[in-house]
């Protein structure tokens, strides 16, 4: 079989395109490369590239030679060479004809780009660039293109509940991640963690047919910036303080009590997780050690009981009224405990009283976001840092956004 016919079939080229030459050449560093030349039948005519033009047989104006990187052929780098025709349309002037194997303006074929985008879901882009022998900046350029294009097709018409959480990229540089708990995916990533982040989310939400007025529960932490943004840009939303954030503050308070006591009681040193874990999560020896310390009436034991009571209120309360009575009793106990970290916790709960109680109306949490945050942290770890926030956002959308990439890569 003629090699040119074989490669024409392999590349799925349709008339008038056909492979006119295939050659192995010496490339950089003496490595062999496969170069495929694509041409078209003499006298061929092409349709006008303008979307609104119906002319199907415009005369050719000239030809511009182009090169694209293609998928490797066995161990060889592969390149496609072609003269791209420009046609002369009486109505729209001279325009370049789009080629079926690559996007306009790209230096890579569609198949090469699709392969890299798929690999980027599970590998650092820097590692992929090393594998394929390209600079990672060139890969980032088209990865961002496909993610941005896929997001244009996202439709948030039915989204009525969201979760908001922030994460840091490096140091104190934060991004805010907004998730749809029903679909379990990220729908928006914006820089910062203040009220403006909610404003930017609302604008992006509307760009995708979302209605901020239909969003009812918004699950988040105790950030005053989020609270202000929700009031201003999600007018009908009920702010729900995520119960996991409340328990997190309780854990921090218990550990502060332990640290204060550990200076006078050496037995409390290195016992942090004895007090922060639930009893079912402790080994037999750990449980015995904790019970023995509690018998000594250590203050950390009392603080731990308060934390467990807080968990019980969230777990057993069947109504907002029942939960409110439980919180009132607990806060009174903490305020009379003479344990300053627990008194601080009680004041924090009282400051966010209504938003914490709103949980018992909607029973929604940021558990989905906590799970997605684990994936996001893994992105940072495996990439050993990302150069800018745009790259970070792109990877979050690619791995956690459930984007339909088929709509833009096929």
Protein backbone atom coordinates (compact mmCIF):
# COMPACT_ATOMS: atom_id res chain seq x y z
CA UNK A 1 0.00 0.00 0.00
CA UNK A 2 1.22 3.49 -0.82
CA UNK A 3 2.57 5.17 2.35
CA UNK A 4 0.89 8.47 1.51
CA UNK A 5 -2.49 6.73 1.16
CA UNK A 6 -1.95 4.94 4.48
CA UNK A 7 -1.22 8.21 6.32
CA UNK A 8 -4.10 9.94 4.55
CA UNK A 9 -6.43 7.27 5.92
CA UNK A 10 -4.80 7.35 9.38
CA UNK A 11 -5.26 11.13 9.61
CA UNK A 12 -8.86 10.76 8.34
CA UNK A 13 -8.35 13.44 5.71
CA UNK A 14 -11.22 14.23 3.37
CA UNK A 15 -11.08 15.67 -0.13
CA UNK A 16 -9.39 17.79 -1.27
CA UNK A 17 -6.76 17.17 1.49
CA UNK A 18 -4.28 14.32 1.11
CA UNK A 19 -0.83 13.33 2.36
CA UNK A 20 1.73 14.09 -0.32
CA UNK A 21 4.92 13.05 1.48
CA UNK A 22 6.25 11.20 4.54
CA UNK A 23 9.89 11.51 5.60
CA UNK A 24 12.13 10.63 8.55
CA UNK A 25 14.61 13.43 9.24
CA UNK A 26 17.32 14.21 11.75
CA UNK A 27 15.99 16.61 14.38
CA UNK A 28 17.47 18.35 17.43
CA UNK A 29 20.19 16.39 19.18
CA UNK A 30 20.42 13.94 16.30
CA UNK A 31 17.02 12.42 17.13
CA UNK A 32 14.97 11.21 14.21
CA UNK A 33 11.63 12.93 13.51
CA UNK A 34 8.69 12.06 11.28
CA UNK A 35 7.57 14.86 8.96
CA UNK A 36 4.26 14.50 7.16
CA UNK A 37 3.41 16.84 4.29
CA UNK A 38 -0.24 17.49 3.48
CA UNK A 39 -1.43 19.07 0.25
CA UNK A 40 -4.57 19.32 -1.83
CA UNK A 41 -5.58 18.57 -5.40
CA UNK A 42 -4.48 21.20 -7.96
CA UNK A 43 -7.32 23.53 -8.86
CA UNK A 44 -9.17 22.86 -5.59
CA UNK A 45 -11.61 25.46 -4.39
CA UNK A 46 -12.66 26.06 -0.79
CA UNK A 47 -15.66 27.54 0.98
CA UNK A 48 -15.40 31.03 2.43
CA UNK A 49 -14.36 30.67 6.13
CA UNK A 50 -16.71 33.46 7.23
CA UNK A 51 -19.51 31.95 9.34
CA UNK A 52 -22.27 33.88 7.63
CA UNK A 53 -21.07 33.34 4.06
CA UNK A 54 -22.55 30.56 1.97
CA UNK A 55 -20.06 30.59 -0.93
CA UNK A 56 -18.63 27.11 -1.42
CA UNK A 57 -16.15 27.60 -4.27
CA UNK A 58 -14.02 30.68 -3.71
CA UNK A 59 -10.88 31.07 -5.83
CA UNK A 60 -7.52 30.68 -4.11
CA UNK A 61 -5.58 33.84 -3.36
CA UNK A 62 -2.27 32.36 -2.10
CA UNK A 63 -0.80 29.68 0.20
CA UNK A 64 0.96 30.12 3.57
CA UNK A 65 3.23 27.30 4.79
CA UNK A 66 2.59 26.12 8.35
CA UNK A 67 3.93 23.41 10.71
CA UNK A 68 2.09 21.66 13.57
CA UNK A 69 3.33 19.27 16.25
CA UNK A 70 1.42 15.99 16.08
CA UNK A 71 1.20 12.89 18.28
CA UNK A 72 4.40 10.86 18.40
CA UNK A 73 4.71 8.10 15.81
CA UNK A 74 6.19 5.24 17.84
CA UNK A 75 9.35 6.78 19.38
CA UNK A 76 9.56 9.62 16.85
CA UNK A 77 8.29 13.17 17.24
CA UNK A 78 5.83 13.83 14.44
CA UNK A 79 5.15 17.08 12.60
CA UNK A 80 2.59 18.02 9.97
CA UNK A 81 3.56 20.45 7.20
CA UNK A 82 0.95 22.03 4.96
CA UNK A 83 0.40 25.00 2.73
CA UNK A 84 -2.70 26.69 4.13
CA UNK A 85 -4.70 28.27 1.29
CA UNK A 86 -6.20 31.73 1.54
CA UNK A 87 -9.30 32.29 -0.56
CA UNK A 88 -10.62 35.47 -2.08
CA UNK A 89 -14.29 36.06 -1.30
CA UNK A 90 -16.04 38.87 -3.18
CA UNK A 91 -17.92 39.84 -0.02
CA UNK A 92 -15.48 39.13 2.83
CA UNK A 93 -12.10 39.56 1.18
CA UNK A 94 -9.02 37.35 1.62
CA UNK A 95 -9.37 34.78 4.41
CA UNK A 96 -7.35 31.73 5.53
CA UNK A 97 -9.09 28.37 5.18
CA UNK A 98 -9.29 26.44 8.49
CA UNK A 99 -7.53 23.07 8.35
CA UNK A 100 -9.39 20.01 9.74
CA UNK A 101 -6.50 18.79 11.93
CA UNK A 102 -5.75 21.93 14.00
CA UNK A 103 -7.29 25.03 15.54
CA UNK A 104 -6.64 28.37 13.83
CA UNK A 105 -3.47 29.90 15.25
CA UNK A 106 -2.36 26.78 17.11
CA UNK A 107 1.03 25.14 16.62
CA UNK A 108 -0.36 21.74 17.63
CA UNK A 109 -2.82 19.33 16.08
CA UNK A 110 -6.19 18.72 17.72
CA UNK A 111 -5.20 15.17 18.68
CA UNK A 112 -2.00 16.35 20.35
CA UNK A 113 -3.89 18.99 22.33
CA UNK A 114 -6.60 16.51 23.37
CA UNK A 115 -3.94 14.09 24.64
CA UNK A 116 -2.19 16.78 26.73
CA UNK A 117 -5.47 18.06 28.21
CA UNK A 118 -6.39 14.53 29.26
CA UNK A 119 -2.96 13.94 30.82
CA UNK A 120 -3.17 17.27 32.68
CA UNK A 121 -6.07 15.92 34.74
CA UNK A 122 -3.68 13.61 36.58
CA UNK A 123 -0.14 14.92 35.97
CA UNK A 124 1.71 18.22 36.49
CA UNK A 125 1.93 20.21 33.26
CA UNK A 126 5.69 20.63 33.78
CA UNK A 127 6.10 16.82 33.76
CA UNK A 128 3.95 16.48 30.62
CA UNK A 129 6.03 19.16 28.91
CA UNK A 130 9.19 17.21 29.68
CA UNK A 131 7.65 13.98 28.37
CA UNK A 132 6.56 15.50 25.04
CA UNK A 133 9.60 17.76 24.63
CA UNK A 134 7.78 21.11 24.66
CA UNK A 135 7.96 24.18 26.89
CA UNK A 136 5.18 24.09 29.48
CA UNK A 137 4.09 27.66 28.66
CA UNK A 138 2.99 26.48 25.20
CA UNK A 139 0.97 23.67 26.76
CA UNK A 140 -0.64 25.94 29.35
CA UNK A 141 -1.79 28.23 26.54
CA UNK A 142 -4.06 25.65 24.93
CA UNK A 143 -5.06 23.93 28.19
CA UNK A 144 -6.46 27.26 29.37
CA UNK A 145 -8.13 27.75 25.99
CA UNK A 146 -10.04 24.47 26.21
CA UNK A 147 -11.02 24.95 29.87
CA UNK A 148 -12.27 28.48 29.13
CA UNK A 149 -14.18 27.28 26.08
CA UNK A 150 -15.74 24.35 27.98
CA UNK A 151 -16.88 26.74 30.74
CA UNK A 152 -18.77 28.78 28.17
CA UNK A 153 -21.12 25.80 27.75
CA UNK A 154 -21.77 25.43 31.50
CA UNK A 155 -25.40 26.11 32.49
CA UNK A 156 -26.24 26.85 36.14
CA UNK A 157 -29.96 27.44 35.63
CA UNK A 158 -31.01 24.95 38.29
CA UNK A 159 -28.43 25.79 40.96
CA UNK A 160 -30.21 26.88 44.15
CA UNK A 161 -27.63 26.04 46.84
CA UNK A 162 -23.89 26.69 46.95
CA UNK A 163 -20.92 26.19 49.24
CA UNK A 164 -18.09 28.72 49.55
CA UNK A 165 -14.62 28.13 50.95
CA UNK A 166 -11.19 29.67 50.51
CA UNK A 167 -7.79 28.07 50.02
CA UNK A 168 -4.32 29.54 49.75
CA UNK A 169 -2.08 29.19 46.73
CA UNK A 170 1.11 30.29 48.43
CA UNK A 171 1.58 32.20 51.67
CA UNK A 172 -1.35 34.56 52.21
CA UNK A 173 -2.53 34.60 48.59
CA UNK A 174 -6.03 33.17 48.64
CA UNK A 175 -8.59 31.98 46.14
CA UNK A 176 -12.27 31.38 46.81
CA UNK A 177 -13.86 28.20 45.50
CA UNK A 178 -17.64 27.96 44.97
CA UNK A 179 -19.21 24.53 44.59
CA UNK A 180 -22.62 23.13 43.69
CA UNK A 181 -23.32 20.54 46.43
CA UNK A 182 -26.04 18.86 44.34
CA UNK A 183 -23.73 18.15 41.39
CA UNK A 184 -20.62 17.87 43.61
CA UNK A 185 -18.49 20.06 41.37
CA UNK A 186 -16.72 23.42 41.35
CA UNK A 187 -18.65 26.11 39.47
CA UNK A 188 -16.50 29.19 40.11
CA UNK A 189 -12.96 30.10 41.21
CA UNK A 190 -12.07 33.71 42.01
CA UNK A 191 -9.03 35.32 43.65
CA UNK A 192 -9.25 36.70 47.19
CA UNK A 193 -11.55 35.92 50.12
CA UNK A 194 -13.51 39.13 50.73
CA UNK A 195 -16.92 40.49 49.77
CA UNK A 196 -15.73 41.18 46.21
CA UNK A 197 -15.23 37.46 45.63
CA UNK A 198 -18.97 36.92 46.10
CA UNK A 199 -19.66 39.80 43.71
CA UNK A 200 -17.39 38.26 41.05
CA UNK A 201 -19.06 34.90 41.58
CA UNK A 202 -22.54 36.44 41.15
CA UNK A 203 -21.51 38.05 37.85
CA UNK A 204 -19.98 34.80 36.57
CA UNK A 205 -23.05 32.91 37.78
CA UNK A 206 -25.35 35.14 35.73
CA UNK A 207 -23.11 34.69 32.67
CA UNK A 208 -23.98 30.97 32.89
CA UNK A 209 -27.76 31.48 33.25
CA UNK A 210 -27.66 31.30 37.04
CA UNK A 211 -30.02 33.50 39.07
CA UNK A 212 -28.51 34.90 42.32
CA UNK A 213 -32.06 35.54 43.58
CA UNK A 214 -32.82 31.80 43.50
CA UNK A 215 -29.86 30.82 45.67
CA UNK A 216 -31.25 30.06 49.13
CA UNK A 217 -28.75 28.28 51.42
CA UNK A 218 -25.11 29.36 51.18
CA UNK A 219 -22.76 27.27 53.29
CA UNK A 220 -19.54 28.94 54.38
CA UNK A 221 -17.29 29.72 57.34
CA UNK A 222 -17.47 32.67 59.73
CA UNK A 223 -15.63 35.08 57.42
CA UNK A 224 -17.12 38.61 57.69
CA UNK A 225 -16.14 39.23 54.05
CA UNK A 226 -18.31 36.36 52.84
CA UNK A 227 -21.18 37.53 55.06
CA UNK A 228 -21.09 41.02 53.55
CA UNK A 229 -20.87 39.69 50.00
CA UNK A 230 -23.78 37.29 50.53
CA UNK A 231 -25.98 40.09 51.90
CA UNK A 232 -25.23 42.37 48.96
CA UNK A 233 -25.15 39.97 46.00
CA UNK A 234 -27.26 36.94 47.02
CA UNK A 235 -30.25 38.80 48.48
CA UNK A 236 -32.50 35.80 49.21
CA UNK A 237 -29.78 33.50 50.51
CA UNK A 238 -29.70 32.15 54.06
CA UNK A 239 -26.12 32.01 55.29
CA UNK A 240 -25.35 28.65 56.89
CA UNK A 241 -22.25 28.40 59.07
CA UNK A 242 -20.79 25.05 58.19
CA UNK A 243 -20.86 22.79 61.27
CA UNK A 244 -17.37 21.51 60.46
CA UNK A 245 -15.99 25.04 60.85
CA UNK A 246 -17.71 25.37 64.24
CA UNK A 247 -16.16 22.06 65.38
CA UNK A 248 -12.79 23.23 64.00
CA UNK A 249 -12.90 26.30 66.27
CA UNK A 250 -13.86 24.04 69.19
CA UNK A 251 -10.87 21.78 68.50
CA UNK A 252 -8.56 24.80 68.47
CA UNK A 253 -9.98 25.99 71.81
CA UNK A 254 -9.51 22.56 73.42
CA UNK A 255 -5.90 22.43 72.27
CA UNK A 256 -5.22 25.92 73.66
CA UNK A 257 -6.49 24.71 77.06
CA UNK A 258 -4.22 21.68 76.82
CA UNK A 259 -1.16 23.75 75.94
CA UNK A 260 -1.79 26.10 78.87
CA UNK A 261 -2.00 23.15 81.26
CA UNK A 262 0.86 21.20 79.73
CA UNK A 263 3.34 23.74 81.11
CA UNK A 264 2.39 22.66 84.63
CA UNK A 265 1.35 19.06 83.99
CA UNK A 266 3.90 17.05 81.90
CA UNK A 267 1.33 14.24 81.46
CA UNK A 268 -0.57 16.44 79.00
CA UNK A 269 2.36 16.87 76.66
CA UNK A 270 2.00 15.11 73.31
CA UNK A 271 -1.63 14.24 74.02
CA UNK A 272 -3.16 16.62 71.46
CA UNK A 273 -5.03 14.00 69.45
CA UNK A 274 -6.26 12.17 72.55
CA UNK A 275 -8.60 15.13 73.07
CA UNK A 276 -9.40 16.06 69.48
CA UNK A 277 -10.49 12.62 68.31
CA UNK A 278 -13.79 11.01 69.20
CA UNK A 279 -13.60 7.96 71.46
CA UNK A 280 -14.42 5.56 68.62
CA UNK A 281 -11.31 6.82 66.80
CA UNK A 282 -8.92 5.99 69.67
CA UNK A 283 -7.06 2.75 70.32
CA UNK A 284 -7.62 0.89 73.58
CA UNK A 285 -4.44 2.28 75.13
CA UNK A 286 -5.22 5.84 74.04
CA UNK A 287 -8.74 5.59 75.42
CA UNK A 288 -7.44 4.29 78.77
CA UNK A 289 -4.88 7.12 78.95
CA UNK A 290 -7.57 9.72 78.29
CA UNK A 291 -9.89 8.27 80.94
CA UNK A 292 -7.08 8.24 83.49
CA UNK A 293 -6.31 11.91 82.79
CA UNK A 294 -10.00 12.80 83.07
CA UNK A 295 -10.14 11.14 86.49
CA UNK A 296 -7.50 13.63 87.61
CA UNK A 297 -10.07 16.35 86.78
CA UNK A 298 -7.72 18.10 84.36
CA UNK A 299 -9.19 21.21 82.73
CA UNK A 300 -8.47 19.80 79.27
CA UNK A 301 -10.90 16.99 80.07
CA UNK A 302 -13.65 19.51 80.78
CA UNK A 303 -12.88 21.38 77.57
CA UNK A 304 -13.04 18.09 75.67
CA UNK A 305 -16.49 17.35 77.16
CA UNK A 306 -17.69 20.74 75.92
CA UNK A 307 -16.44 19.94 72.42
CA UNK A 308 -18.24 16.58 72.50
CA UNK A 309 -21.43 18.30 73.67
CA UNK A 310 -21.17 20.67 70.70
CA UNK A 311 -20.91 17.66 68.38
CA UNK A 312 -23.89 16.00 70.07
CA UNK A 313 -26.06 19.09 69.53
CA UNK A 314 -25.35 18.95 65.78
CA UNK A 315 -25.87 15.19 65.65
CA UNK A 316 -29.01 14.77 67.76
CA UNK A 317 -31.04 18.00 67.50
CA UNK A 318 -34.17 17.41 65.45
CA UNK A 319 -35.21 21.06 65.23
CA UNK A 320 -33.83 24.57 65.35
CA UNK A 321 -35.58 25.15 68.69
CA UNK A 322 -34.00 22.08 70.28
CA UNK A 323 -30.56 23.07 68.97
CA UNK A 324 -30.96 26.62 70.26
CA UNK A 325 -31.73 25.34 73.78
CA UNK A 326 -28.66 23.10 73.61
CA UNK A 327 -26.40 25.96 72.49
CA UNK A 328 -27.72 28.23 75.24
CA UNK A 329 -26.89 25.64 77.90
CA UNK A 330 -23.48 24.93 76.35
CA UNK A 331 -22.50 28.60 76.03
CA UNK A 332 -23.52 29.23 79.66
CA UNK A 333 -21.34 26.28 80.74
CA UNK A 334 -18.36 27.57 78.72
CA UNK A 335 -18.74 31.14 80.03
CA UNK A 336 -18.68 29.86 83.63
CA UNK A 337 -15.84 27.39 83.04
CA UNK A 338 -12.94 29.75 83.86
CA UNK A 339 -11.29 28.40 80.70
CA UNK A 340 -10.53 31.46 78.57
CA UNK A 341 -10.28 29.64 75.18
CA UNK A 342 -13.72 28.07 75.78
CA UNK A 343 -15.17 31.43 76.81
CA UNK A 344 -13.79 32.89 73.57
CA UNK A 345 -15.49 30.06 71.67
CA UNK A 346 -18.79 30.81 73.39
CA UNK A 347 -18.53 34.48 72.39
CA UNK A 348 -17.79 33.46 68.79
CA UNK A 349 -20.86 31.20 68.70
CA UNK A 350 -23.04 33.99 70.08
CA UNK A 351 -21.74 36.44 67.44
CA UNK A 352 -22.81 34.05 64.69
CA UNK A 353 -25.84 32.70 66.55
CA UNK A 354 -28.48 32.92 63.79
CA UNK A 355 -26.17 31.67 61.01
CA UNK A 356 -25.11 28.65 63.10
CA UNK A 357 -28.74 27.83 63.90
CA UNK A 358 -29.70 28.15 60.22
CA UNK A 359 -27.93 24.81 59.70
CA UNK A 360 -30.86 23.10 61.46
CA UNK A 361 -33.27 24.59 58.88
CA UNK A 362 -31.36 23.39 55.81
CA UNK A 363 -29.05 20.61 57.08
CA UNK A 364 -26.39 21.42 54.50
CA UNK A 365 -22.63 21.41 55.05
CA UNK A 366 -19.42 22.10 53.18
CA UNK A 367 -18.50 18.41 53.20
CA UNK A 368 -18.36 18.40 49.38
CA UNK A 369 -16.00 21.38 49.39
CA UNK A 370 -13.81 19.75 52.03
CA UNK A 371 -13.47 16.74 49.75
CA UNK A 372 -12.75 18.94 46.73
CA UNK A 373 -10.24 20.89 48.80
CA UNK A 374 -8.29 17.67 49.29
CA UNK A 375 -8.03 17.34 45.50
CA UNK A 376 -7.02 21.00 45.23
CA UNK A 377 -4.27 20.55 47.82
CA UNK A 378 -3.06 17.52 45.86
CA UNK A 379 -2.87 19.68 42.72
CA UNK A 380 -0.55 22.09 44.54
CA UNK A 381 1.56 19.29 46.00
CA UNK A 382 2.08 17.31 42.79
CA UNK A 383 2.88 20.48 40.79
CA UNK A 384 5.30 21.68 43.47
CA UNK A 385 3.72 25.11 43.13
CA UNK A 386 1.99 26.92 40.26
CA UNK A 387 3.46 30.08 38.76
CA UNK A 388 0.30 32.17 38.80
CA UNK A 389 -3.31 32.18 39.95
CA UNK A 390 -4.69 31.66 36.43
CA UNK A 391 -2.87 28.34 36.13
CA UNK A 392 -4.16 27.29 39.56
CA UNK A 393 -7.75 28.20 38.65
CA UNK A 394 -7.45 26.34 35.33
CA UNK A 395 -6.35 23.14 37.08
CA UNK A 396 -9.18 23.40 39.63
CA UNK A 397 -11.76 23.70 36.85
CA UNK A 398 -10.13 20.87 34.89
CA UNK A 399 -10.00 18.42 37.81
CA UNK A 400 -13.02 19.47 39.91
CA UNK A 401 -15.35 21.23 37.47
CA UNK A 402 -16.79 18.24 35.61
CA UNK A 403 -16.41 20.16 32.37
CA UNK A 404 -17.67 18.59 29.16
CA UNK A 405 -14.40 18.86 27.23
CA UNK A 406 -15.82 16.74 24.42
CA UNK A 407 -17.73 19.79 23.23
CA UNK A 408 -14.50 21.64 22.44
CA UNK A 409 -11.85 18.96 21.83
CA UNK A 410 -13.65 16.82 19.25
